[in-house]
PDB file of N, CA and C in Angstrom:
ATOM      1  N   UNK A   1      81.592  95.564 201.756  1.00  0.00           N
ATOM      2  CA  UNK A   1      81.390  96.805 201.015  1.00  0.00           C
ATOM      3  C   UNK A   1      80.538  96.559 199.780  1.00  0.00           C
ATOM      4  N   UNK A   2      80.790  95.462 199.082  1.00  0.00           N
ATOM      5  CA  UNK A   2      80.052  95.226 197.843  1.00  0.00           C
ATOM      6  C   UNK A   2      78.568  95.002 198.091  1.00  0.00           C
ATOM      7  N   UNK A   3      78.205  94.553 199.282  1.00  0.00           N
ATOM      8  CA  UNK A   3      76.800  94.359 199.603  1.00  0.00           C
ATOM      9  C   UNK A   3      76.009  95.648 199.670  1.00  0.00           C
ATOM     10  N   UNK A   4      76.699  96.771 199.793  1.00  0.00           N
ATOM     11  CA  UNK A   4      76.035  98.067 199.894  1.00  0.00           C
ATOM     12  C   UNK A   4      76.265  98.945 198.674  1.00  0.00           C
ATOM     13  N   UNK A   5      76.972  98.438 197.695  1.00  0.00           N
ATOM     14  CA  UNK A   5      77.359  99.246 196.536  1.00  0.00           C
ATOM     15  C   UNK A   5      76.164  99.745 195.739  1.00  0.00           C
ATOM     16  N   UNK A   6      75.072  99.022 195.756  1.00  0.00           N
ATOM     17  CA  UNK A   6      73.860  99.485 195.066  1.00  0.00           C
ATOM     18  C   UNK A   6      73.015 100.389 195.948  1.00  0.00           C
ATOM     19  N   UNK A   7      72.842 100.001 197.205  1.00  0.00           N
ATOM     20  CA  UNK A   7      71.901 100.728 198.060  1.00  0.00           C
ATOM     21  C   UNK A   7      72.404 102.095 198.509  1.00  0.00           C
ATOM     22  N   UNK A   8      73.691 102.239 198.734  1.00  0.00           N
ATOM     23  CA  UNK A   8      74.207 103.534 199.212  1.00  0.00           C
ATOM     24  C   UNK A   8      73.956 104.644 198.194  1.00  0.00           C
ATOM     25  N   UNK A   9      74.335 104.494 196.927  1.00  0.00           N
ATOM     26  CA  UNK A   9      74.058 105.568 195.968  1.00  0.00           C
ATOM     27  C   UNK A   9      72.556 105.801 195.762  1.00  0.00           C
ATOM     28  N   UNK A  10      71.774 104.738 195.775  1.00  0.00           N
ATOM     29  CA  UNK A  10      70.328 104.887 195.606  1.00  0.00           C
ATOM     30  C   UNK A  10      69.728 105.697 196.752  1.00  0.00           C
ATOM     31  N   UNK A  11      70.065 105.329 197.983  1.00  0.00           N
ATOM     32  CA  UNK A  11      69.540 106.035 199.150  1.00  0.00           C
ATOM     33  C   UNK A  11      70.027 107.483 199.209  1.00  0.00           C
ATOM     34  N   UNK A  12      71.288 107.693 198.865  1.00  0.00           N
ATOM     35  CA  UNK A  12      71.825 109.057 198.875  1.00  0.00           C
ATOM     36  C   UNK A  12      71.071 109.932 197.880  1.00  0.00           C
ATOM     37  N   UNK A  13      70.834 109.425 196.683  1.00  0.00           N
ATOM     38  CA  UNK A  13      70.120 110.204 195.664  1.00  0.00           C
ATOM     39  C   UNK A  13      68.678 110.450 196.085  1.00  0.00           C
ATOM     40  N   UNK A  14      68.029 109.441 196.644  1.00  0.00           N
ATOM     41  CA  UNK A  14      66.634 109.584 197.054  1.00  0.00           C
ATOM     42  C   UNK A  14      66.458 110.583 198.187  1.00  0.00           C
ATOM     43  N   UNK A  15      67.442 110.693 199.061  1.00  0.00           N
ATOM     44  CA  UNK A  15      67.329 111.581 200.223  1.00  0.00           C
ATOM     45  C   UNK A  15      68.102 112.885 200.036  1.00  0.00           C
ATOM     46  N   UNK A  16      68.620 113.114 198.832  1.00  0.00           N
ATOM     47  CA  UNK A  16      69.393 114.319 198.531  1.00  0.00           C
ATOM     48  C   UNK A  16      70.552 114.492 199.526  1.00  0.00           C
ATOM     49  N   UNK A  17      71.239 113.395 199.758  1.00  0.00           N
ATOM     50  CA  UNK A  17      72.375 113.348 200.678  1.00  0.00           C
ATOM     51  C   UNK A  17      73.645 113.117 199.878  1.00  0.00           C
ATOM     52  N   UNK A  18      74.732 113.687 200.323  1.00  0.00           N
ATOM     53  CA  UNK A  18      76.021 113.415 199.707  1.00  0.00           C
ATOM     54  C   UNK A  18      76.785 112.450 200.598  1.00  0.00           C
ATOM     55  N   UNK A  19      77.303 111.403 199.995  1.00  0.00           N
ATOM     56  CA  UNK A  19      78.088 110.406 200.706  1.00  0.00           C
ATOM     57  C   UNK A  19      79.513 110.486 200.185  1.00  0.00           C
ATOM     58  N   UNK A  20      80.451 110.518 201.108  1.00  0.00           N
ATOM     59  CA  UNK A  20      81.855 110.551 200.741  1.00  0.00           C
ATOM     60  C   UNK A  20      82.490 109.243 201.193  1.00  0.00           C
ATOM     61  N   UNK A  21      83.153 108.558 200.261  1.00  0.00           N
ATOM     62  CA  UNK A  21      83.778 107.269 200.548  1.00  0.00           C
ATOM     63  C   UNK A  21      85.262 107.318 200.217  1.00  0.00           C
ATOM     64  N   UNK A  22      86.061 106.789 201.129  1.00  0.00           N
ATOM     65  CA  UNK A  22      87.481 106.588 200.860  1.00  0.00           C
ATOM     66  C   UNK A  22      87.733 105.102 200.993  1.00  0.00           C
ATOM     67  N   UNK A  23      88.333 104.523 199.959  1.00  0.00           N
ATOM     68  CA  UNK A  23      88.593 103.080 199.963  1.00  0.00           C
ATOM     69  C   UNK A  23      89.950 102.807 199.352  1.00  0.00           C
ATOM     70  N   UNK A  24      90.441 101.608 199.583  1.00  0.00           N
ATOM     71  CA  UNK A  24      91.723 101.237 198.988  1.00  0.00           C
ATOM     72  C   UNK A  24      91.543 101.088 197.478  1.00  0.00           C
ATOM     73  N   UNK A  25      92.643 101.152 196.781  1.00  0.00           N
ATOM     74  CA  UNK A  25      92.620 101.027 195.316  1.00  0.00           C
ATOM     75  C   UNK A  25      92.017  99.699 194.877  1.00  0.00           C
ATOM     76  N   UNK A  26      92.388  98.609 195.548  1.00  0.00           N
ATOM     77  CA  UNK A  26      91.865  97.308 195.124  1.00  0.00           C
ATOM     78  C   UNK A  26      90.363  97.186 195.358  1.00  0.00           C
ATOM     79  N   UNK A  27      89.856  97.747 196.433  1.00  0.00           N
ATOM     80  CA  UNK A  27      88.402  97.721 196.656  1.00  0.00           C
ATOM     81  C   UNK A  27      87.707  98.583 195.613  1.00  0.00           C
ATOM     82  N   UNK A  28      88.272  99.744 195.312  1.00  0.00           N
ATOM     83  CA  UNK A  28      87.678 100.603 194.284  1.00  0.00           C
ATOM     84  C   UNK A  28      87.603  99.860 192.947  1.00  0.00           C
ATOM     85  N   UNK A  29      88.684  99.211 192.570  1.00  0.00           N
ATOM     86  CA  UNK A  29      88.694  98.479 191.294  1.00  0.00           C
ATOM     87  C   UNK A  29      87.664  97.354 191.283  1.00  0.00           C
ATOM     88  N   UNK A  30      87.550  96.619 192.387  1.00  0.00           N
ATOM     89  CA  UNK A  30      86.563  95.544 192.464  1.00  0.00           C
ATOM     90  C   UNK A  30      85.141  96.084 192.344  1.00  0.00           C
ATOM     91  N   UNK A  31      84.857  97.166 193.058  1.00  0.00           N
ATOM     92  CA  UNK A  31      83.495  97.721 193.028  1.00  0.00           C
ATOM     93  C   UNK A  31      83.130  98.281 191.658  1.00  0.00           C
ATOM     94  N   UNK A  32      84.076  98.950 191.017  1.00  0.00           N
ATOM     95  CA  UNK A  32      83.748  99.510 189.706  1.00  0.00           C
ATOM     96  C   UNK A  32      83.643  98.429 188.647  1.00  0.00           C
ATOM     97  N   UNK A  33      84.282  97.288 188.868  1.00  0.00           N
ATOM     98  CA  UNK A  33      84.105  96.154 187.958  1.00  0.00           C
ATOM     99  C   UNK A  33      82.722  95.533 188.155  1.00  0.00           C
ATOM    100  N   UNK A  34      82.322  95.355 189.411  1.00  0.00           N
ATOM    101  CA  UNK A  34      81.013  94.764 189.711  1.00  0.00           C
ATOM    102  C   UNK A  34      79.858  95.726 189.426  1.00  0.00           C
ATOM    103  N   UNK A  35      80.065  96.994 189.714  1.00  0.00           N
ATOM    104  CA  UNK A  35      79.018  98.012 189.580  1.00  0.00           C
ATOM    105  C   UNK A  35      79.584  99.210 188.820  1.00  0.00           C
ATOM    106  N   UNK A  36      79.657  99.126 187.499  1.00  0.00           N
ATOM    107  CA  UNK A  36      80.236 100.232 186.720  1.00  0.00           C
ATOM    108  C   UNK A  36      79.499 101.551 186.996  1.00  0.00           C
ATOM    109  N   UNK A  37      80.232 102.592 187.381  1.00  0.00           N
ATOM    110  CA  UNK A  37      79.599 103.860 187.719  1.00  0.00           C
ATOM    111  C   UNK A  37      78.841 104.482 186.550  1.00  0.00           C
ATOM    112  N   UNK A  38      79.290 104.249 185.324  1.00  0.00           N
ATOM    113  CA  UNK A  38      78.612 104.870 184.194  1.00  0.00           C
ATOM    114  C   UNK A  38      77.256 104.216 183.919  1.00  0.00           C
ATOM    115  N   UNK A  39      76.946 103.103 184.590  1.00  0.00           N
ATOM    116  CA  UNK A  39      75.634 102.485 184.464  1.00  0.00           C
ATOM    117  C   UNK A  39      74.624 103.072 185.441  1.00  0.00           C
ATOM    118  N   UNK A  40      75.068 103.958 186.298  1.00  0.00           N
ATOM    119  CA  UNK A  40      74.190 104.564 187.303  1.00  0.00           C
ATOM    120  C   UNK A  40      73.556 105.841 186.766  1.00  0.00           C
ATOM    121  N   UNK A  41      72.352 106.142 187.250  1.00  0.00           N
ATOM    122  CA  UNK A  41      71.753 107.433 186.899  1.00  0.00           C
ATOM    123  C   UNK A  41      72.627 108.587 187.409  1.00  0.00           C
ATOM    124  N   UNK A  42      72.553 109.715 186.730  1.00  0.00           N
ATOM    125  CA  UNK A  42      73.380 110.877 187.096  1.00  0.00           C
ATOM    126  C   UNK A  42      73.165 111.284 188.547  1.00  0.00           C
ATOM    127  N   UNK A  43      71.945 111.224 189.039  1.00  0.00           N
ATOM    128  CA  UNK A  43      71.667 111.624 190.423  1.00  0.00           C
ATOM    129  C   UNK A  43      72.444 110.767 191.416  1.00  0.00           C
ATOM    130  N   UNK A  44      72.589 109.486 191.113  1.00  0.00           N
ATOM    131  CA  UNK A  44      73.357 108.611 192.001  1.00  0.00           C
ATOM    132  C   UNK A  44      74.842 108.924 191.923  1.00  0.00           C
ATOM    133  N   UNK A  45      75.355 109.180 190.731  1.00  0.00           N
ATOM    134  CA  UNK A  45      76.777 109.513 190.606  1.00  0.00           C
ATOM    135  C   UNK A  45      77.081 110.830 191.302  1.00  0.00           C
ATOM    136  N   UNK A  46      76.171 111.774 191.214  1.00  0.00           N
ATOM    137  CA  UNK A  46      76.391 113.083 191.817  1.00  0.00           C
ATOM    138  C   UNK A  46      76.258 113.062 193.335  1.00  0.00           C
ATOM    139  N   UNK A  47      75.636 112.039 193.880  1.00  0.00           N
ATOM    140  CA  UNK A  47      75.465 111.929 195.327  1.00  0.00           C
ATOM    141  C   UNK A  47      76.699 111.370 196.024  1.00  0.00           C
ATOM    142  N   UNK A  48      77.681 110.928 195.243  1.00  0.00           N
ATOM    143  CA  UNK A  48      78.872 110.303 195.809  1.00  0.00           C
ATOM    144  C   UNK A  48      80.123 111.112 195.534  1.00  0.00           C
ATOM    145  N   UNK A  49      80.977 111.157 196.528  1.00  0.00           N
ATOM    146  CA  UNK A  49      82.345 111.640 196.364  1.00  0.00           C
ATOM    147  C   UNK A  49      83.214 110.446 196.717  1.00  0.00           C
ATOM    148  N   UNK A  50      83.989 109.995 195.761  1.00  0.00           N
ATOM    149  CA  UNK A  50      84.776 108.775 195.961  1.00  0.00           C
ATOM    150  C   UNK A  50      86.257 109.100 195.870  1.00  0.00           C
ATOM    151  N   UNK A  51      87.017 108.540 196.800  1.00  0.00           N
ATOM    152  CA  UNK A  51      88.460 108.685 196.846  1.00  0.00           C
ATOM    153  C   UNK A  51      89.053 107.291 197.017  1.00  0.00           C
ATOM    154  N   UNK A  52      90.276 107.100 196.536  1.00  0.00           N
ATOM    155  CA  UNK A  52      90.970 105.845 196.823  1.00  0.00           C
ATOM    156  C   UNK A  52      92.394 106.148 197.230  1.00  0.00           C
ATOM    157  N   UNK A  53      92.909 105.301 198.101  1.00  0.00           N
ATOM    158  CA  UNK A  53      94.269 105.489 198.583  1.00  0.00           C
ATOM    159  C   UNK A  53      94.573 104.508 199.692  1.00  0.00           C
ATOM    160  N   UNK A  54      95.744 104.645 200.296  1.00  0.00           N
ATOM    161  CA  UNK A  54      96.129 103.720 201.367  1.00  0.00           C
ATOM    162  C   UNK A  54      95.298 103.964 202.624  1.00  0.00           C
ATOM    163  N   UNK A  55      94.906 102.875 203.256  1.00  0.00           N
ATOM    164  CA  UNK A  55      94.162 102.957 204.518  1.00  0.00           C
ATOM    165  C   UNK A  55      94.872 102.047 205.516  1.00  0.00           C
ATOM    166  N   UNK A  56      95.398 102.618 206.601  1.00  0.00           N
ATOM    167  CA  UNK A  56      96.205 101.820 207.532  1.00  0.00           C
ATOM    168  C   UNK A  56      95.390 101.041 208.560  1.00  0.00           C
ATOM    169  N   UNK A  57      94.062 101.073 208.480  1.00  0.00           N
ATOM    170  CA  UNK A  57      93.227 100.449 209.494  1.00  0.00           C
ATOM    171  C   UNK A  57      92.636  99.139 208.986  1.00  0.00           C
ATOM    172  N   UNK A  58      92.322  98.252 209.899  1.00  0.00           N
ATOM    173  CA  UNK A  58      91.718  96.960 209.575  1.00  0.00           C
ATOM    174  C   UNK A  58      90.219  96.977 209.890  1.00  0.00           C
ATOM    175  N   UNK A  59      89.610  98.122 209.885  1.00  0.00           N
ATOM    176  CA  UNK A  59      88.187  98.247 210.185  1.00  0.00           C
ATOM    177  C   UNK A  59      87.591  99.321 209.297  1.00  0.00           C
ATOM    178  N   UNK A  60      86.287  99.299 209.183  1.00  0.00           N
ATOM    179  CA  UNK A  60      85.585 100.363 208.472  1.00  0.00           C
ATOM    180  C   UNK A  60      85.209 101.450 209.461  1.00  0.00           C
ATOM    181  N   UNK A  61      85.245 102.670 209.023  1.00  0.00           N
ATOM    182  CA  UNK A  61      84.942 103.819 209.874  1.00  0.00           C
ATOM    183  C   UNK A  61      83.922 104.683 209.166  1.00  0.00           C
ATOM    184  N   UNK A  62      82.903 105.123 209.884  1.00  0.00           N
ATOM    185  CA  UNK A  62      81.947 106.038 209.281  1.00  0.00           C
ATOM    186  C   UNK A  62      81.521 107.086 210.287  1.00  0.00           C
ATOM    187  N   UNK A  63      81.112 108.229 209.738  1.00  0.00           N
ATOM    188  CA  UNK A  63      80.634 109.350 210.540  1.00  0.00           C
ATOM    189  C   UNK A  63      79.307 109.770 209.934  1.00  0.00           C
ATOM    190  N   UNK A  64      78.278 109.839 210.739  1.00  0.00           N
ATOM    191  CA  UNK A  64      76.959 110.196 210.240  1.00  0.00           C
ATOM    192  C   UNK A  64      76.503 111.547 210.758  1.00  0.00           C
ATOM    193  N   UNK A  65      76.259 112.455 209.840  1.00  0.00           N
ATOM    194  CA  UNK A  65      75.716 113.786 210.170  1.00  0.00           C
ATOM    195  C   UNK A  65      76.502 114.507 211.260  1.00  0.00           C
ATOM    196  N   UNK A  66      77.773 114.213 211.381  1.00  0.00           N
ATOM    197  CA  UNK A  66      78.626 114.810 212.412  1.00  0.00           C
ATOM    198  C   UNK A  66      78.070 114.614 213.821  1.00  0.00           C
ATOM    199  N   UNK A  67      77.172 113.620 213.984  1.00  0.00           N
ATOM    200  CA  UNK A  67      76.566 113.407 215.296  1.00  0.00           C
ATOM    201  C   UNK A  67      76.855 112.030 215.881  1.00  0.00           C
ATOM    202  N   UNK A  68      77.367 111.114 215.078  1.00  0.00           N
ATOM    203  CA  UNK A  68      77.702 109.788 215.580  1.00  0.00           C
ATOM    204  C   UNK A  68      78.762 109.157 214.684  1.00  0.00           C
ATOM    205  N   UNK A  69      79.514 108.256 215.289  1.00  0.00           N
ATOM    206  CA  UNK A  69      80.589 107.569 214.578  1.00  0.00           C
ATOM    207  C   UNK A  69      80.424 106.073 214.772  1.00  0.00           C
ATOM    208  N   UNK A  70      80.919 105.333 213.808  1.00  0.00           N
ATOM    209  CA  UNK A  70      80.826 103.886 213.908  1.00  0.00           C
ATOM    210  C   UNK A  70      82.074 103.212 213.379  1.00  0.00           C
ATOM    211  N   UNK A  71      82.373 102.072 213.974  1.00  0.00           N
ATOM    212  CA  UNK A  71      83.443 101.197 213.506  1.00  0.00           C
ATOM    213  C   UNK A  71      82.808  99.868 213.123  1.00  0.00           C
ATOM    214  N   UNK A  72      83.230  99.338 211.991  1.00  0.00           N
ATOM    215  CA  UNK A  72      82.755  98.041 211.537  1.00  0.00           C
ATOM    216  C   UNK A  72      83.971  97.139 211.372  1.00  0.00           C
ATOM    217  N   UNK A  73      83.923  95.978 211.989  1.00  0.00           N
ATOM    218  CA  UNK A  73      85.001  95.005 211.877  1.00  0.00           C
ATOM    219  C   UNK A  73      84.533  93.905 210.937  1.00  0.00           C
ATOM    220  N   UNK A  74      85.291  93.718 209.852  1.00  0.00           N
ATOM    221  CA  UNK A  74      84.954  92.720 208.848  1.00  0.00           C
ATOM    222  C   UNK A  74      85.841  91.496 208.990  1.00  0.00           C
ATOM    223  N   UNK A  75      85.281  90.337 208.676  1.00  0.00           N
ATOM    224  CA  UNK A  75      86.049  89.101 208.570  1.00  0.00           C
ATOM    225  C   UNK A  75      85.701  88.479 207.221  1.00  0.00           C
ATOM    226  N   UNK A  76      86.291  87.343 206.925  1.00  0.00           N
ATOM    227  CA  UNK A  76      85.972  86.652 205.675  1.00  0.00           C
ATOM    228  C   UNK A  76      84.503  86.247 205.603  1.00  0.00           C
ATOM    229  N   UNK A  77      83.859  86.124 206.743  1.00  0.00           N
ATOM    230  CA  UNK A  77      82.456  85.736 206.782  1.00  0.00           C
ATOM    231  C   UNK A  77      81.496  86.926 206.786  1.00  0.00           C
ATOM    232  N   UNK A  78      82.005  88.142 206.762  1.00  0.00           N
ATOM    233  CA  UNK A  78      81.157  89.335 206.777  1.00  0.00           C
ATOM    234  C   UNK A  78      81.448  90.195 207.988  1.00  0.00           C
ATOM    235  N   UNK A  79      80.465  90.957 208.419  1.00  0.00           N
ATOM    236  CA  UNK A  79      80.633  91.849 209.566  1.00  0.00           C
ATOM    237  C   UNK A  79      80.722  91.016 210.837  1.00  0.00           C
ATOM    238  N   UNK A  80      81.771  91.270 211.627  1.00  0.00           N
ATOM    239  CA  UNK A  80      81.977  90.525 212.861  1.00  0.00           C
ATOM    240  C   UNK A  80      81.778  91.407 214.083  1.00  0.00           C
ATOM    241  N   UNK A  81      81.752  92.702 213.901  1.00  0.00           N
ATOM    242  CA  UNK A  81      81.559  93.595 215.035  1.00  0.00           C
ATOM    243  C   UNK A  81      81.169  94.983 214.579  1.00  0.00           C
ATOM    244  N   UNK A  82      80.410  95.679 215.412  1.00  0.00           N
ATOM    245  CA  UNK A  82      79.941  97.026 215.095  1.00  0.00           C
ATOM    246  C   UNK A  82      79.883  97.828 216.381  1.00  0.00           C
ATOM    247  N   UNK A  83      80.471  98.997 216.356  1.00  0.00           N
ATOM    248  CA  UNK A  83      80.433  99.907 217.497  1.00  0.00           C
ATOM    249  C   UNK A  83      79.901 101.240 216.986  1.00  0.00           C
ATOM    250  N   UNK A  84      78.922 101.796 217.668  1.00  0.00           N
ATOM    251  CA  UNK A  84      78.384 103.120 217.340  1.00  0.00           C
ATOM    252  C   UNK A  84      78.465 103.965 218.600  1.00  0.00           C
ATOM    253  N   UNK A  85      78.963 105.189 218.450  1.00  0.00           N
ATOM    254  CA  UNK A  85      79.123 106.070 219.597  1.00  0.00           C
ATOM    255  C   UNK A  85      78.685 107.473 219.197  1.00  0.00           C
ATOM    256  N   UNK A  86      77.913 108.102 220.055  1.00  0.00           N
ATOM    257  CA  UNK A  86      77.405 109.448 219.780  1.00  0.00           C
ATOM    258  C   UNK A  86      78.099 110.531 220.593  1.00  0.00           C
ATOM    259  N   UNK A  87      79.119 110.179 221.345  1.00  0.00           N
ATOM    260  CA  UNK A  87      79.793 111.182 222.158  1.00  0.00           C
ATOM    261  C   UNK A  87      80.599 112.130 221.273  1.00  0.00           C
ATOM    262  N   UNK A  88      80.744 113.353 221.726  1.00  0.00           N
ATOM    263  CA  UNK A  88      81.535 114.335 220.990  1.00  0.00           C
ATOM    264  C   UNK A  88      82.972 113.856 220.798  1.00  0.00           C
ATOM    265  N   UNK A  89      83.538 113.226 221.823  1.00  0.00           N
ATOM    266  CA  UNK A  89      84.919 112.740 221.740  1.00  0.00           C
ATOM    267  C   UNK A  89      85.056 111.670 220.660  1.00  0.00           C
ATOM    268  N   UNK A  90      84.082 110.775 220.554  1.00  0.00           N
ATOM    269  CA  UNK A  90      84.137 109.715 219.545  1.00  0.00           C
ATOM    270  C   UNK A  90      84.021 110.292 218.140  1.00  0.00           C
ATOM    271  N   UNK A  91      83.119 111.232 217.958  1.00  0.00           N
ATOM    272  CA  UNK A  91      82.951 111.845 216.640  1.00  0.00           C
ATOM    273  C   UNK A  91      84.198 112.637 216.262  1.00  0.00           C
ATOM    274  N   UNK A  92      84.773 113.329 217.213  1.00  0.00           N
ATOM    275  CA  UNK A  92      86.013 114.080 216.954  1.00  0.00           C
ATOM    276  C   UNK A  92      87.144 113.131 216.579  1.00  0.00           C
ATOM    277  N   UNK A  93      87.311 112.040 217.314  1.00  0.00           N
ATOM    278  CA  UNK A  93      88.343 111.053 217.011  1.00  0.00           C
ATOM    279  C   UNK A  93      88.133 110.464 215.617  1.00  0.00           C
ATOM    280  N   UNK A  94      86.915 110.062 215.315  1.00  0.00           N
ATOM    281  CA  UNK A  94      86.615 109.469 214.008  1.00  0.00           C
ATOM    282  C   UNK A  94      86.883 110.462 212.886  1.00  0.00           C
ATOM    283  N   UNK A  95      86.505 111.704 213.094  1.00  0.00           N
ATOM    284  CA  UNK A  95      86.730 112.735 212.078  1.00  0.00           C
ATOM    285  C   UNK A  95      88.218 112.931 211.833  1.00  0.00           C
ATOM    286  N   UNK A  96      89.022 112.950 212.884  1.00  0.00           N
ATOM    287  CA  UNK A  96      90.471 113.075 212.723  1.00  0.00           C
ATOM    288  C   UNK A  96      91.043 111.892 211.944  1.00  0.00           C
ATOM    289  N   UNK A  97      90.602 110.681 212.282  1.00  0.00           N
ATOM    290  CA  UNK A  97      91.088 109.493 211.574  1.00  0.00           C
ATOM    291  C   UNK A  97      90.718 109.565 210.095  1.00  0.00           C
ATOM    292  N   UNK A  98      89.473 109.925 209.833  1.00  0.00           N
ATOM    293  CA  UNK A  98      88.982 109.995 208.454  1.00  0.00           C
ATOM    294  C   UNK A  98      89.744 111.051 207.649  1.00  0.00           C
ATOM    295  N   UNK A  99      89.916 112.226 208.229  1.00  0.00           N
ATOM    296  CA  UNK A  99      90.605 113.303 207.521  1.00  0.00           C
ATOM    297  C   UNK A  99      92.051 112.927 207.198  1.00  0.00           C
ATOM    298  N   UNK A 100      92.723 112.215 208.105  1.00  0.00           N
ATOM    299  CA  UNK A 100      94.095 111.782 207.837  1.00  0.00           C
ATOM    300  C   UNK A 100      94.149 110.837 206.638  1.00  0.00           C
ATOM    301  N   UNK A 101      93.198 109.924 206.561  1.00  0.00           N
ATOM    302  CA  UNK A 101      93.162 108.984 205.434  1.00  0.00           C
ATOM    303  C   UNK A 101      92.799 109.723 204.153  1.00  0.00           C
ATOM    304  N   UNK A 102      91.803 110.584 204.211  1.00  0.00           N
ATOM    305  CA  UNK A 102      91.362 111.297 203.013  1.00  0.00           C
ATOM    306  C   UNK A 102      92.446 112.214 202.458  1.00  0.00           C
ATOM    307  N   UNK A 103      93.251 112.803 203.314  1.00  0.00           N
ATOM    308  CA  UNK A 103      94.344 113.674 202.852  1.00  0.00           C
ATOM    309  C   UNK A 103      95.307 112.928 201.942  1.00  0.00           C
ATOM    310  N   UNK A 104      95.487 111.635 202.180  1.00  0.00           N
ATOM    311  CA  UNK A 104      96.416 110.833 201.379  1.00  0.00           C
ATOM    312  C   UNK A 104      95.738 110.162 200.187  1.00  0.00           C
ATOM    313  N   UNK A 105      94.430 110.326 200.075  1.00  0.00           N
ATOM    314  CA  UNK A 105      93.680 109.653 199.014  1.00  0.00           C
ATOM    315  C   UNK A 105      93.557 110.543 197.784  1.00  0.00           C
ATOM    316  N   UNK A 106      93.246 109.892 196.669  1.00  0.00           N
ATOM    317  CA  UNK A 106      93.082 110.567 195.387  1.00  0.00           C
ATOM    318  C   UNK A 106      91.603 110.581 195.008  1.00  0.00           C
ATOM    319  N   UNK A 107      91.066 111.745 194.654  1.00  0.00           N
ATOM    320  CA  UNK A 107      89.660 111.758 194.215  1.00  0.00           C
ATOM    321  C   UNK A 107      89.509 111.018 192.895  1.00  0.00           C
ATOM    322  N   UNK A 108      88.418 110.320 192.755  1.00  0.00           N
ATOM    323  CA  UNK A 108      88.127 109.596 191.521  1.00  0.00           C
ATOM    324  C   UNK A 108      87.447 110.574 190.580  1.00  0.00           C
ATOM    325  N   UNK A 109      88.114 110.845 189.460  1.00  0.00           N
ATOM    326  CA  UNK A 109      87.576 111.824 188.517  1.00  0.00           C
ATOM    327  C   UNK A 109      87.630 111.361 187.081  1.00  0.00           C
ATOM    328  N   UNK A 110      88.079 110.115 186.837  1.00  0.00           N
ATOM    329  CA  UNK A 110      88.210 109.690 185.455  1.00  0.00           C
ATOM    330  C   UNK A 110      86.855 109.624 184.757  1.00  0.00           C
ATOM    331  N   UNK A 111      86.892 109.671 183.450  1.00  0.00           N
ATOM    332  CA  UNK A 111      85.680 109.665 182.630  1.00  0.00           C
ATOM    333  C   UNK A 111      84.777 108.494 182.996  1.00  0.00           C
ATOM    334  N   UNK A 112      83.510 108.797 183.255  1.00  0.00           N
ATOM    335  CA  UNK A 112      82.529 107.751 183.530  1.00  0.00           C
ATOM    336  C   UNK A 112      82.512 107.294 184.974  1.00  0.00           C
ATOM    337  N   UNK A 113      83.390 107.827 185.816  1.00  0.00           N
ATOM    338  CA  UNK A 113      83.413 107.390 187.205  1.00  0.00           C
ATOM    339  C   UNK A 113      82.463 108.243 188.027  1.00  0.00           C
ATOM    340  N   UNK A 114      82.408 107.938 189.303  1.00  0.00           N
ATOM    341  CA  UNK A 114      81.564 108.695 190.211  1.00  0.00           C
ATOM    342  C   UNK A 114      81.986 110.157 190.210  1.00  0.00           C
ATOM    343  N   UNK A 115      81.029 111.023 190.290  1.00  0.00           N
ATOM    344  CA  UNK A 115      81.273 112.451 190.256  1.00  0.00           C
ATOM    345  C   UNK A 115      81.804 112.902 191.615  1.00  0.00           C
ATOM    346  N   UNK A 116      82.971 113.532 191.628  1.00  0.00           N
ATOM    347  CA  UNK A 116      83.537 114.033 192.888  1.00  0.00           C
ATOM    348  C   UNK A 116      83.592 115.556 192.898  1.00  0.00           C
ATOM    349  N   UNK A 117      82.835 116.204 192.037  1.00  0.00           N
ATOM    350  CA  UNK A 117      82.951 117.649 191.915  1.00  0.00           C
ATOM    351  C   UNK A 117      81.973 118.400 192.825  1.00  0.00           C
ATOM    352  N   UNK A 118      81.012 117.733 193.423  1.00  0.00           N
ATOM    353  CA  UNK A 118      80.038 118.413 194.275  1.00  0.00           C
ATOM    354  C   UNK A 118      80.596 118.686 195.636  1.00  0.00           C
TER     355      UNK A 118
END
């Protein structure tokens, strides 16, 4: 995750895209220590919606443009596996998994953090 902490907000701001991230509390704390959100331009902060909370899965999950879903399997050495699927069933499954996690997560709204109001 930390390898993308700079590029994701930059790309989102450049392409006028909103990225929503849900991560565990410890990952959020590590990322904000390494990459303080208040050091980012406003456009980058506004391009992100960040939440933290419990995540019961051992993989990363992403959904792109509601048209494809991906699973990323991480190990201590980095990414160990990647699955991308464009089927409606896969996107529906991924969306359900994501929504369940996000429902239990807390939006990050403290002073100087990523903007979650958009």
